[in-house]
Amino acid sequence: MSETWKSDLKPLGTNWEKPFLEEAPYLIVVFKQSYGIENGEKVQHYYVSESVGIACGFLIAAIHQAGLVAVTHTPSPMNFLSQILNRPSHEKPFLLVPVGYPKEETYVPDIHRKSLNDIMVRF
């Protein structure tokens, strides 16, 4: 991690310790397939990251609608997940999603977002 990244994360109170990975009753590991394999041949997949990202958004929304909580986590590097989960070489880890119930005292950072006028242009 660069010093800038570390500095940007400081207000969020994040550090190398990730106890939620051990405390969450479920860990969902999402993989993406940049290409498929049919009859021993590579088959190109298109818009993989976009599609997997959208699917993850729907997954997280569904988890929250079910009364559970989830957080996204992207350890770096993530290739160890492929090894320990015995995934084929054409699948790459995309996202780790710990799922469970929130602790009684859960801290949610107060993140200030840009206003709509700062991000939208009207014609």
C-alpha atoms as a PDB file:
ATOM      1  CA  MET A   1       0.000   0.000   0.000  1.00  0.00           C
ATOM      2  CA  SER A   2       1.262   3.447  -0.847  1.00  0.00           C
ATOM      3  CA  GLU A   3       1.616   6.110   1.824  1.00  0.00           C
ATOM      4  CA  THR A   4      -1.209   8.088   0.171  1.00  0.00           C
ATOM      5  CA  TRP A   5      -3.526   5.089   0.382  1.00  0.00           C
ATOM      6  CA  LYS A   6      -2.651   4.546   4.029  1.00  0.00           C
ATOM      7  CA  SER A   7      -3.284   8.222   4.737  1.00  0.00           C
ATOM      8  CA  ASP A   8      -6.647   8.128   2.932  1.00  0.00           C
ATOM      9  CA  LEU A   9      -7.720   5.084   4.963  1.00  0.00           C
ATOM     10  CA  LYS A  10      -6.691   6.542   8.322  1.00  0.00           C
ATOM     11  CA  PRO A  11     -10.040   8.352   8.995  1.00  0.00           C
ATOM     12  CA  LEU A  12     -11.825   5.022   8.478  1.00  0.00           C
ATOM     13  CA  GLY A  13      -9.905   3.409  11.340  1.00  0.00           C
ATOM     14  CA  THR A  14      -8.766   0.501   9.205  1.00  0.00           C
ATOM     15  CA  ASN A  15      -5.477  -1.300   9.705  1.00  0.00           C
ATOM     16  CA  TRP A  16      -3.908  -4.703   9.120  1.00  0.00           C
ATOM     17  CA  GLU A  17      -6.148  -6.343  11.725  1.00  0.00           C
ATOM     18  CA  LYS A  18      -9.311  -7.839  10.191  1.00  0.00           C
ATOM     19  CA  PRO A  19     -11.105  -9.704  13.015  1.00  0.00           C
ATOM     20  CA  PHE A  20     -14.341  -9.779  11.017  1.00  0.00           C
ATOM     21  CA  LEU A  21     -12.758 -12.405   8.778  1.00  0.00           C
ATOM     22  CA  GLU A  22     -12.527 -14.788  11.733  1.00  0.00           C
ATOM     23  CA  GLU A  23     -15.743 -13.750  13.486  1.00  0.00           C
ATOM     24  CA  ALA A  24     -18.133 -13.787  10.518  1.00  0.00           C
ATOM     25  CA  PRO A  25     -20.069 -17.062  10.351  1.00  0.00           C
ATOM     26  CA  TYR A  26     -19.879 -17.023   6.541  1.00  0.00           C
ATOM     27  CA  LEU A  27     -17.226 -15.964   4.060  1.00  0.00           C
ATOM     28  CA  ILE A  28     -18.291 -15.753   0.442  1.00  0.00           C
ATOM     29  CA  VAL A  29     -15.444 -15.750  -2.049  1.00  0.00           C
ATOM     30  CA  VAL A  30     -16.480 -14.418  -5.443  1.00  0.00           C
ATOM     31  CA  PHE A  31     -14.405 -15.489  -8.434  1.00  0.00           C
ATOM     32  CA  LYS A  32     -14.471 -14.175 -11.979  1.00  0.00           C
ATOM     33  CA  GLN A  33     -13.823 -16.118 -15.147  1.00  0.00           C
ATOM     34  CA  SER A  34     -11.999 -14.006 -17.720  1.00  0.00           C
ATOM     35  CA  TYR A  35     -12.576 -16.845 -20.151  1.00  0.00           C
ATOM     36  CA  GLY A  36     -14.308 -20.193 -20.140  1.00  0.00           C
ATOM     37  CA  ILE A  37     -13.118 -23.582 -21.294  1.00  0.00           C
ATOM     38  CA  GLU A  38     -15.219 -25.725 -23.615  1.00  0.00           C
ATOM     39  CA  ASN A  39     -13.867 -28.905 -25.183  1.00  0.00           C
ATOM     40  CA  GLY A  40     -10.371 -27.905 -24.075  1.00  0.00           C
ATOM     41  CA  GLU A  41     -10.565 -24.555 -25.900  1.00  0.00           C
ATOM     42  CA  LYS A  42     -10.652 -21.051 -24.445  1.00  0.00           C
ATOM     43  CA  VAL A  43     -13.973 -19.243 -24.829  1.00  0.00           C
ATOM     44  CA  GLN A  44     -13.820 -15.455 -24.451  1.00  0.00           C
ATOM     45  CA  HIS A  45     -16.078 -13.830 -21.829  1.00  0.00           C
ATOM     46  CA  TYR A  46     -16.962 -10.167 -22.226  1.00  0.00           C
ATOM     47  CA  TYR A  47     -17.505  -7.443 -19.594  1.00  0.00           C
ATOM     48  CA  VAL A  48     -16.437  -9.824 -16.848  1.00  0.00           C
ATOM     49  CA  SER A  49     -15.462  -7.301 -14.176  1.00  0.00           C
ATOM     50  CA  GLU A  50     -18.530  -5.161 -14.836  1.00  0.00           C
ATOM     51  CA  SER A  51     -20.882  -8.159 -14.689  1.00  0.00           C
ATOM     52  CA  VAL A  52     -19.313  -9.653 -11.577  1.00  0.00           C
ATOM     53  CA  GLY A  53     -19.284  -6.238  -9.880  1.00  0.00           C
ATOM     54  CA  ILE A  54     -22.994  -5.717 -10.577  1.00  0.00           C
ATOM     55  CA  ALA A  55     -23.788  -9.246  -9.377  1.00  0.00           C
ATOM     56  CA  CYS A  56     -21.865  -8.567  -6.148  1.00  0.00           C
ATOM     57  CA  GLY A  57     -23.896  -5.407  -5.606  1.00  0.00           C
ATOM     58  CA  PHE A  58     -27.126  -7.380  -5.944  1.00  0.00           C
ATOM     59  CA  LEU A  59     -25.752 -10.062  -3.611  1.00  0.00           C
ATOM     60  CA  ILE A  60     -24.884  -7.519  -0.921  1.00  0.00           C
ATOM     61  CA  ALA A  61     -28.286  -5.817  -1.270  1.00  0.00           C
ATOM     62  CA  ALA A  62     -30.016  -9.212  -0.896  1.00  0.00           C
ATOM     63  CA  ILE A  63     -27.910 -10.043   2.177  1.00  0.00           C
ATOM     64  CA  HIS A  64     -28.934  -6.762   3.790  1.00  0.00           C
ATOM     65  CA  GLN A  65     -32.596  -7.278   2.854  1.00  0.00           C
ATOM     66  CA  ALA A  66     -32.405 -10.651   4.618  1.00  0.00           C
ATOM     67  CA  GLY A  67     -31.457  -8.858   7.853  1.00  0.00           C
ATOM     68  CA  LEU A  68     -27.781  -9.749   7.735  1.00  0.00           C
ATOM     69  CA  VAL A  69     -24.762  -7.530   7.177  1.00  0.00           C
ATOM     70  CA  ALA A  70     -21.876  -7.818   4.763  1.00  0.00           C
ATOM     71  CA  VAL A  71     -18.700  -5.937   4.052  1.00  0.00           C
ATOM     72  CA  THR A  72     -16.486  -6.115   0.998  1.00  0.00           C
ATOM     73  CA  HIS A  73     -12.865  -7.073   1.454  1.00  0.00           C
ATOM     74  CA  THR A  74     -10.158  -7.303  -1.174  1.00  0.00           C
ATOM     75  CA  PRO A  75      -6.955  -8.621   0.352  1.00  0.00           C
ATOM     76  CA  SER A  76      -3.830  -7.986  -1.657  1.00  0.00           C
ATOM     77  CA  PRO A  77      -2.661 -10.251  -3.077  1.00  0.00           C
ATOM     78  CA  MET A  78      -5.724 -12.493  -3.437  1.00  0.00           C
ATOM     79  CA  ASN A  79      -4.300 -15.406  -5.442  1.00  0.00           C
ATOM     80  CA  PHE A  80      -3.865 -17.463  -2.271  1.00  0.00           C
ATOM     81  CA  LEU A  81      -7.666 -17.916  -2.341  1.00  0.00           C
ATOM     82  CA  SER A  82      -7.413 -19.745  -5.666  1.00  0.00           C
ATOM     83  CA  GLN A  83      -4.870 -22.108  -4.188  1.00  0.00           C
ATOM     84  CA  ILE A  84      -6.600 -22.909  -0.899  1.00  0.00           C
ATOM     85  CA  LEU A  85     -10.001 -23.293  -2.609  1.00  0.00           C
ATOM     86  CA  ASN A  86      -8.608 -25.400  -5.464  1.00  0.00           C
ATOM     87  CA  ARG A  87      -9.964 -23.184  -8.247  1.00  0.00           C
ATOM     88  CA  PRO A  88      -8.890 -23.650 -11.867  1.00  0.00           C
ATOM     89  CA  SER A  89      -6.436 -21.224 -13.465  1.00  0.00           C
ATOM     90  CA  HIS A  90      -9.131 -19.438 -15.502  1.00  0.00           C
ATOM     91  CA  GLU A  91     -10.908 -18.313 -12.308  1.00  0.00           C
ATOM     92  CA  LYS A  92      -9.495 -15.359 -10.373  1.00  0.00           C
ATOM     93  CA  PRO A  93     -10.633 -14.108  -6.956  1.00  0.00           C
ATOM     94  CA  PHE A  94     -12.638 -10.902  -7.255  1.00  0.00           C
ATOM     95  CA  LEU A  95     -14.084 -10.194  -3.818  1.00  0.00           C
ATOM     96  CA  LEU A  96     -14.308 -11.608  -0.306  1.00  0.00           C
ATOM     97  CA  VAL A  97     -17.642 -10.971   1.450  1.00  0.00           C
ATOM     98  CA  PRO A  98     -17.873 -11.728   5.192  1.00  0.00           C
ATOM     99  CA  VAL A  99     -21.555 -12.190   6.142  1.00  0.00           C
ATOM    100  CA  GLY A 100     -23.245 -12.331   9.526  1.00  0.00           C
ATOM    101  CA  TYR A 101     -25.062 -10.292  12.147  1.00  0.00           C
ATOM    102  CA  PRO A 102     -23.716  -6.923  13.309  1.00  0.00           C
ATOM    103  CA  LYS A 103     -22.143  -6.571  16.711  1.00  0.00           C
ATOM    104  CA  GLU A 104     -24.098  -4.516  19.233  1.00  0.00           C
ATOM    105  CA  GLU A 105     -21.573  -1.690  19.048  1.00  0.00           C
ATOM    106  CA  THR A 106     -20.833  -1.359  15.363  1.00  0.00           C
ATOM    107  CA  TYR A 107     -18.899   1.635  14.082  1.00  0.00           C
ATOM    108  CA  VAL A 108     -19.831   2.966  10.661  1.00  0.00           C
ATOM    109  CA  PRO A 109     -17.541   5.744   9.407  1.00  0.00           C
ATOM    110  CA  ASP A 110     -19.170   9.068   8.546  1.00  0.00           C
ATOM    111  CA  ILE A 111     -18.188   9.279   4.907  1.00  0.00           C
ATOM    112  CA  HIS A 112     -19.072  12.534   3.196  1.00  0.00           C
ATOM    113  CA  ARG A 113     -20.059  12.048  -0.390  1.00  0.00           C
ATOM    114  CA  LYS A 114     -19.946  14.566  -3.202  1.00  0.00           C
ATOM    115  CA  SER A 115     -23.197  16.374  -3.863  1.00  0.00           C
ATOM    116  CA  LEU A 116     -25.282  15.453  -6.893  1.00  0.00           C
ATOM    117  CA  ASN A 117     -24.324  18.743  -8.533  1.00  0.00           C
ATOM    118  CA  ASP A 118     -20.643  17.809  -8.216  1.00  0.00           C
ATOM    119  CA  ILE A 119     -21.037  14.552 -10.142  1.00  0.00           C
ATOM    120  CA  MET A 120     -23.904  15.126 -12.586  1.00  0.00           C
ATOM    121  CA  VAL A 121     -24.170  17.306 -15.671  1.00  0.00           C
ATOM    122  CA  ARG A 122     -27.660  18.189 -16.849  1.00  0.00           C
ATOM    123  CA  PHE A 123     -28.395  18.902 -20.513  1.00  0.00           C
END
